[in-house]
Amino acid sequence: MPLSNVEGFTEEQLADPVFRLTCGRIYQIRNDEGEPEWFIPKPEQKRIIKLIYLLGIKFLIILKARQLGMSTLISLINLDTILWSTSVQTTLIDYNGDNARKKMVEKIIYAYDRLPPSIAALTSIRTKNTQTGEFSIGPNSNFCNEEEAKLRSTGFFGDQPRGGTSQFMHISEWSEIAARFPQRSADIKTGALSSAKRGVIVIETTWHGGKRGDVWPFVKAALETPPEHRTAQTPFLQFFAWWTDPNNRVKGSPEAIKPETHAYFAEIKRSWPKELDGIEFDHEQMLWYQETSVKLGVYMRGQNPTVLEECFQSIIK
């Protein structure tokens, strides 16, 4: 993409994906009230940006609690890839087609439509098809020659692997796909991963089904490979617990905490001292956990794990 005549940004800044994703002046997202706001990454999101762009991780597995903004960040990375590269392909494989199209419309296209005018003017949409899950953009012919104007970069969004070679692949909720749709999961493992073997692969999922399934061997490799034996293609695991989100707390009296809740936190601290070293849970966090546990019941540990090992204790029918 030509970088001249872009007001407010230097060429060096716009050539840097870390700057583009963290500056808070290029991409907009929909906030909790449904209004657009500039994307400013949270600490957890900054960690993912660092792993991909500064540490060069090519195969990233994110196990997480719900509502930490991971899908928003990864969608923006997807858009950033096709916006600032030439003739690339990105892919999102989601739990179902509706979820994939929702991310395409509400995160990718939403952010593209709200780019700063000086940046938006450099590109034009070539394809925007929510039925086929295809979104492609190319250089604005006013800023390039005839041959360059024919180029385009494309993102595919759906519940099945697509043909071609992907420079960036996002597989959302693969653990749940593996637990419920084994054949689709096998297609992802045998087809989709190989199509992106030279690109960046991000698996972002809550966990289902214990220490088994198509995703488990990659998690196992990430946990067991010594740092000195790692390569850029070795799976890397990043875990985010529910308590990393400062919003996960409920105001109330400490006396409202039930004995079984106190017992849970005492046991979790005793059983996993290394994982929770320096972490102290206040009464508002305990109340949040208590109330959320009532809503989710036996699914609490899978949806909102306190430590990594709880992910693998989650159940499925």
Protein backbone atom coordinates (compact mmCIF):
# COMPACT_ATOMS: atom_id res chain seq x y z
CA MET A 1 0.00 0.00 0.00
CA PRO A 2 1.37 3.49 -0.82
CA LEU A 3 2.10 5.44 2.34
CA SER A 4 2.40 8.97 1.00
CA ASN A 5 -0.09 11.71 1.82
CA VAL A 6 -1.35 10.00 4.97
CA GLU A 7 -1.90 12.86 7.35
CA GLY A 8 -0.92 12.45 10.97
CA PHE A 9 1.27 9.36 10.52
CA THR A 10 4.84 8.86 9.41
CA GLU A 11 5.77 6.21 6.87
CA GLU A 12 7.75 4.35 9.53
CA GLN A 13 4.75 4.26 11.86
CA LEU A 14 2.40 2.90 9.22
CA ALA A 15 4.94 0.25 8.22
CA ASP A 16 4.94 -1.13 11.77
CA PRO A 17 2.07 -3.52 12.67
CA VAL A 18 2.71 -3.06 16.39
CA PHE A 19 2.21 0.69 16.04
CA ARG A 20 -0.88 0.26 13.88
CA LEU A 21 -2.51 -2.05 16.43
CA THR A 22 -1.54 -0.17 19.57
CA CYS A 23 -1.60 3.54 18.69
CA GLY A 24 -5.36 3.90 19.26
CA ARG A 25 -5.87 6.05 16.16
CA ILE A 26 -6.35 3.61 13.27
CA TYR A 27 -8.87 0.91 14.17
CA GLN A 28 -12.27 1.31 15.81
CA ILE A 29 -14.36 -1.35 17.54
CA ARG A 30 -17.87 -1.51 18.88
CA ASN A 31 -17.92 -0.98 22.67
CA ASP A 32 -20.30 -2.54 25.19
CA GLU A 33 -22.85 0.20 24.54
CA GLY A 34 -22.80 -0.50 20.81
CA GLU A 35 -20.91 2.70 19.99
CA PRO A 36 -17.64 2.97 18.03
CA GLU A 37 -14.48 3.67 19.98
CA TRP A 38 -10.79 3.61 19.16
CA PHE A 39 -9.16 0.27 19.84
CA ILE A 40 -6.63 0.53 22.66
CA PRO A 41 -5.34 -2.94 23.59
CA LYS A 42 -5.67 -4.31 27.09
CA PRO A 43 -2.62 -5.93 28.76
CA GLU A 44 -3.76 -9.40 27.63
CA GLN A 45 -4.14 -8.18 24.07
CA LYS A 46 -0.74 -6.47 24.17
CA ARG A 47 0.74 -9.80 25.22
CA ILE A 48 -0.59 -11.46 22.05
CA ILE A 49 0.71 -8.63 19.87
CA LYS A 50 4.14 -9.05 21.45
CA LEU A 51 4.16 -12.83 20.94
CA ILE A 52 3.28 -12.57 17.24
CA TYR A 53 5.18 -9.49 16.11
CA LEU A 54 8.09 -9.12 18.52
CA LEU A 55 8.84 -12.70 19.54
CA GLY A 56 7.95 -14.22 16.18
CA ILE A 57 5.60 -16.96 17.39
CA LYS A 58 4.08 -18.68 14.35
CA PHE A 59 1.83 -21.24 16.06
CA LEU A 60 -0.03 -19.70 18.99
CA ILE A 61 -2.63 -21.43 21.15
CA ILE A 62 -4.70 -19.20 23.42
CA LEU A 63 -6.63 -20.95 26.19
CA LYS A 64 -8.76 -18.45 28.03
CA ALA A 65 -11.72 -17.40 30.05
CA ARG A 66 -14.65 -15.78 28.30
CA GLN A 67 -14.95 -12.10 27.33
CA LEU A 68 -11.28 -11.09 27.33
CA GLY A 69 -11.38 -9.46 23.90
CA MET A 70 -9.25 -12.05 22.15
CA SER A 71 -11.51 -12.50 19.12
CA THR A 72 -11.65 -8.72 18.69
CA LEU A 73 -7.88 -8.41 18.69
CA ILE A 74 -7.35 -11.38 16.36
CA SER A 75 -9.97 -10.00 13.97
CA LEU A 76 -8.08 -6.70 13.84
CA ILE A 77 -4.83 -8.58 13.17
CA ASN A 78 -6.67 -10.32 10.33
CA LEU A 79 -7.80 -6.99 8.89
CA ASP A 80 -4.37 -5.44 9.42
CA THR A 81 -2.79 -8.28 7.47
CA ILE A 82 -4.95 -7.89 4.37
CA LEU A 83 -4.95 -4.09 4.58
CA TRP A 84 -1.20 -3.55 4.69
CA SER A 85 0.03 -6.50 2.62
CA THR A 86 -0.10 -7.32 -1.07
CA SER A 87 -1.78 -10.44 -2.49
CA VAL A 88 -2.17 -12.28 0.80
CA GLN A 89 -4.90 -14.60 2.04
CA THR A 90 -6.19 -14.86 5.59
CA THR A 91 -8.63 -17.41 6.96
CA LEU A 92 -11.01 -17.59 9.92
CA ILE A 93 -12.49 -20.99 10.76
CA ASP A 94 -15.16 -20.67 13.42
CA TYR A 95 -17.50 -22.96 15.35
CA ASN A 96 -20.24 -22.31 12.80
CA GLY A 97 -20.80 -20.18 9.72
CA ASP A 98 -22.98 -17.65 11.53
CA ASN A 99 -20.24 -16.92 14.06
CA ALA A 100 -17.69 -16.50 11.27
CA ARG A 101 -19.89 -14.11 9.30
CA LYS A 102 -20.65 -12.17 12.47
CA LYS A 103 -16.93 -11.59 13.06
CA MET A 104 -16.53 -10.62 9.42
CA VAL A 105 -19.30 -8.01 9.57
CA GLU A 106 -19.11 -6.76 13.16
CA LYS A 107 -15.34 -6.72 13.60
CA ILE A 108 -13.51 -6.77 10.25
CA ILE A 109 -15.81 -4.71 8.02
CA TYR A 110 -16.89 -2.55 10.97
CA ALA A 111 -13.27 -1.51 11.56
CA TYR A 112 -12.53 -1.10 7.85
CA ASP A 113 -15.53 1.19 7.34
CA ARG A 114 -14.28 3.43 10.16
CA LEU A 115 -10.65 3.80 9.12
CA PRO A 116 -9.27 7.35 9.17
CA PRO A 117 -10.21 8.89 5.80
CA SER A 118 -6.58 9.37 4.76
CA ILE A 119 -5.95 5.62 5.19
CA ALA A 120 -9.28 4.45 3.78
CA ALA A 121 -8.61 6.47 0.62
CA LEU A 122 -5.59 4.29 -0.19
CA THR A 123 -7.69 1.15 -0.73
CA SER A 124 -10.96 0.00 -2.21
CA ILE A 125 -13.20 -2.98 -1.55
CA ARG A 126 -13.10 -5.62 -4.29
CA THR A 127 -15.37 -8.24 -2.69
CA LYS A 128 -17.74 -8.06 0.28
CA ASN A 129 -19.87 -11.21 0.27
CA THR A 130 -21.29 -12.28 3.61
CA GLN A 131 -22.91 -15.35 2.06
CA THR A 132 -19.65 -16.85 0.86
CA GLY A 133 -17.65 -15.28 3.68
CA GLU A 134 -15.23 -13.43 1.40
CA PHE A 135 -13.85 -9.93 1.94
CA SER A 136 -11.10 -8.59 -0.29
CA ILE A 137 -9.51 -5.18 -0.73
CA GLY A 138 -6.91 -3.76 -3.09
CA PRO A 139 -4.99 -0.57 -3.76
CA ASN A 140 -6.94 2.46 -4.88
CA SER A 141 -6.23 2.87 -8.59
CA ASN A 142 -5.71 6.60 -8.04
CA PHE A 143 -2.52 5.86 -6.11
CA CYS A 144 -0.92 3.07 -8.14
CA ASN A 145 -0.23 1.86 -11.66
CA GLU A 146 -2.48 -0.41 -13.71
CA GLU A 147 -0.76 -3.66 -12.71
CA GLU A 148 -0.80 -2.83 -8.99
CA ALA A 149 -4.49 -1.95 -9.23
CA LYS A 150 -5.25 -5.56 -10.16
CA LEU A 151 -3.83 -6.87 -6.89
CA ARG A 152 -5.99 -7.76 -3.95
CA SER A 153 -5.73 -9.37 -0.51
CA THR A 154 -8.56 -11.56 0.70
CA GLY A 155 -9.96 -12.83 3.97
CA PHE A 156 -12.15 -15.94 4.06
CA PHE A 157 -14.59 -16.50 6.92
CA GLY A 158 -16.50 -19.74 7.53
CA ASP A 159 -16.75 -23.06 9.34
CA GLN A 160 -14.71 -25.08 6.83
CA PRO A 161 -11.12 -24.92 5.55
CA ARG A 162 -10.67 -23.04 2.26
CA GLY A 163 -8.27 -23.67 -0.59
CA GLY A 164 -5.13 -21.67 -1.22
CA THR A 165 -2.28 -20.66 1.05
CA SER A 166 -3.03 -18.55 4.11
CA GLN A 167 -0.53 -16.11 5.54
CA PHE A 168 -2.68 -15.73 8.66
CA MET A 169 -5.12 -18.31 10.03
CA HIS A 170 -7.44 -17.90 13.01
CA ILE A 171 -9.16 -21.06 14.28
CA SER A 172 -11.81 -20.12 16.82
CA GLU A 173 -13.18 -22.61 19.37
CA TRP A 174 -11.38 -25.57 17.82
CA SER A 175 -11.56 -27.51 21.08
CA GLU A 176 -15.36 -27.34 20.99
CA ILE A 177 -15.39 -28.25 17.28
CA ALA A 178 -13.19 -31.28 18.05
CA ALA A 179 -15.50 -32.39 20.86
CA ARG A 180 -18.74 -32.05 18.90
CA PHE A 181 -17.84 -32.35 15.21
CA PRO A 182 -14.94 -34.83 14.83
CA GLN A 183 -14.95 -34.89 11.02
CA ARG A 184 -14.79 -31.10 10.73
CA SER A 185 -11.98 -31.11 13.26
CA ALA A 186 -10.10 -33.73 11.24
CA ASP A 187 -10.46 -31.55 8.13
CA ILE A 188 -8.96 -28.63 10.02
CA LYS A 189 -6.04 -30.72 11.23
CA THR A 190 -5.25 -32.37 7.89
CA GLY A 191 -6.14 -29.52 5.53
CA ALA A 192 -6.27 -26.09 7.09
CA LEU A 193 -3.07 -26.26 9.13
CA SER A 194 -0.97 -27.35 6.18
CA SER A 195 -2.31 -24.45 4.09
CA ALA A 196 -0.90 -22.01 6.64
CA LYS A 197 2.32 -23.79 7.56
CA ARG A 198 4.44 -20.84 6.43
CA GLY A 199 2.16 -18.23 7.96
CA VAL A 200 0.86 -17.42 11.43
CA ILE A 201 -1.66 -19.78 13.03
CA VAL A 202 -3.68 -18.66 16.04
CA ILE A 203 -5.93 -21.15 17.82
CA GLU A 204 -8.17 -19.27 20.26
CA THR A 205 -10.53 -21.43 22.29
CA THR A 206 -12.14 -22.31 25.55
CA TRP A 207 -11.44 -25.92 26.40
CA HIS A 208 -13.63 -29.01 26.11
CA GLY A 209 -13.06 -32.69 26.62
CA GLY A 210 -10.08 -33.14 28.90
CA LYS A 211 -6.60 -34.13 27.74
CA ARG A 212 -7.63 -35.59 24.41
CA GLY A 213 -8.94 -34.54 21.03
CA ASP A 214 -7.27 -33.02 17.98
CA VAL A 215 -6.02 -29.92 19.75
CA TRP A 216 -4.50 -31.66 22.77
CA PRO A 217 -1.27 -32.88 21.04
CA PHE A 218 -0.42 -29.27 20.18
CA VAL A 219 -1.12 -28.14 23.75
CA LYS A 220 0.97 -31.03 25.06
CA ALA A 221 3.85 -30.09 22.78
CA ALA A 222 3.65 -26.48 23.91
CA LEU A 223 3.76 -27.51 27.58
CA GLU A 224 6.51 -30.10 27.27
CA THR A 225 8.98 -28.66 24.73
CA PRO A 226 12.00 -27.15 26.52
CA PRO A 227 12.72 -23.53 25.56
CA GLU A 228 16.07 -24.49 24.03
CA HIS A 229 14.36 -26.96 21.69
CA ARG A 230 11.68 -24.60 20.44
CA THR A 231 11.48 -23.40 16.85
CA ALA A 232 9.26 -20.73 15.31
CA GLN A 233 6.78 -23.48 14.38
CA THR A 234 6.64 -25.12 17.81
CA PRO A 235 3.20 -24.56 19.39
CA PHE A 236 3.27 -21.85 22.04
CA LEU A 237 0.58 -21.81 24.73
CA GLN A 238 -0.76 -18.61 26.30
CA PHE A 239 -3.29 -18.97 29.11
CA PHE A 240 -5.54 -16.21 30.44
CA ALA A 241 -7.56 -16.83 33.60
CA TRP A 242 -10.81 -15.07 34.51
CA TRP A 243 -9.08 -12.99 37.18
CA THR A 244 -6.88 -11.21 34.60
CA ASP A 245 -9.97 -9.18 33.66
CA PRO A 246 -10.41 -6.31 36.16
CA ASN A 247 -14.14 -6.23 35.36
CA ASN A 248 -14.68 -9.67 36.85
CA ARG A 249 -15.75 -8.50 40.29
CA VAL A 250 -19.02 -7.83 42.11
CA LYS A 251 -19.53 -5.20 44.78
CA GLY A 252 -20.99 -6.54 47.99
CA SER A 253 -20.34 -7.49 51.56
CA PRO A 254 -17.56 -9.96 52.39
CA GLU A 255 -20.10 -11.70 54.62
CA ALA A 256 -21.99 -12.73 51.46
CA ILE A 257 -19.19 -15.11 50.49
CA LYS A 258 -20.30 -18.68 51.21
CA PRO A 259 -18.10 -21.18 53.08
CA GLU A 260 -17.77 -23.36 49.98
CA THR A 261 -16.44 -20.37 48.03
CA HIS A 262 -13.83 -19.69 50.70
CA ALA A 263 -12.96 -23.37 50.63
CA TYR A 264 -12.53 -23.34 46.85
CA PHE A 265 -10.10 -20.41 46.89
CA ALA A 266 -8.15 -21.87 49.80
CA GLU A 267 -7.81 -25.18 47.97
CA ILE A 268 -6.87 -23.61 44.64
CA LYS A 269 -4.13 -21.56 46.31
CA ARG A 270 -2.86 -24.64 48.12
CA SER A 271 -2.89 -26.86 45.02
CA TRP A 272 -1.35 -24.41 42.55
CA PRO A 273 1.07 -22.19 44.49
CA LYS A 274 3.37 -21.54 41.51
CA GLU A 275 0.58 -20.56 39.13
CA LEU A 276 -0.95 -18.22 41.72
CA ASP A 277 2.25 -16.90 43.25
CA GLY A 278 1.63 -13.31 44.33
CA ILE A 279 -2.07 -13.44 43.40
CA GLU A 280 -4.50 -12.50 46.16
CA PHE A 281 -8.24 -12.69 45.51
CA ASP A 282 -10.27 -9.93 47.15
CA HIS A 283 -13.87 -10.34 48.25
CA GLU A 284 -15.28 -8.68 45.10
CA GLN A 285 -13.52 -11.24 42.91
CA MET A 286 -14.75 -14.04 45.13
CA LEU A 287 -18.29 -12.74 44.88
CA TRP A 288 -18.02 -12.59 41.09
CA TYR A 289 -16.78 -16.16 40.99
CA GLN A 290 -19.52 -17.29 43.36
CA GLU A 291 -22.33 -15.67 41.38
CA THR A 292 -20.96 -16.76 38.01
CA SER A 293 -20.58 -20.33 39.28
CA VAL A 294 -24.28 -20.40 40.14
CA LYS A 295 -25.11 -19.45 36.54
CA LEU A 296 -22.70 -21.86 34.85
CA GLY A 297 -22.67 -24.76 37.29
CA VAL A 298 -20.45 -27.63 36.13
CA TYR A 299 -19.31 -25.58 33.13
CA MET A 300 -17.64 -22.92 35.26
CA ARG A 301 -14.13 -24.34 35.12
CA GLY A 302 -14.20 -24.68 31.35
CA GLN A 303 -15.63 -21.22 30.75
CA ASN A 304 -13.76 -19.37 33.51
CA PRO A 305 -10.71 -21.32 34.68
CA THR A 306 -8.67 -20.01 37.60
CA VAL A 307 -5.56 -22.03 36.66
CA LEU A 308 -4.61 -23.79 33.43
CA GLU A 309 -5.25 -27.28 34.78
CA GLU A 310 -8.92 -26.43 35.31
CA CYS A 311 -9.33 -26.12 31.54
CA PHE A 312 -8.80 -29.84 31.21
CA GLN A 313 -11.33 -30.63 33.92
CA SER A 314 -14.19 -29.13 31.89
CA ILE A 315 -16.89 -31.56 30.85
CA ILE A 316 -18.96 -32.15 27.74
CA LYS A 317 -21.97 -34.33 27.10
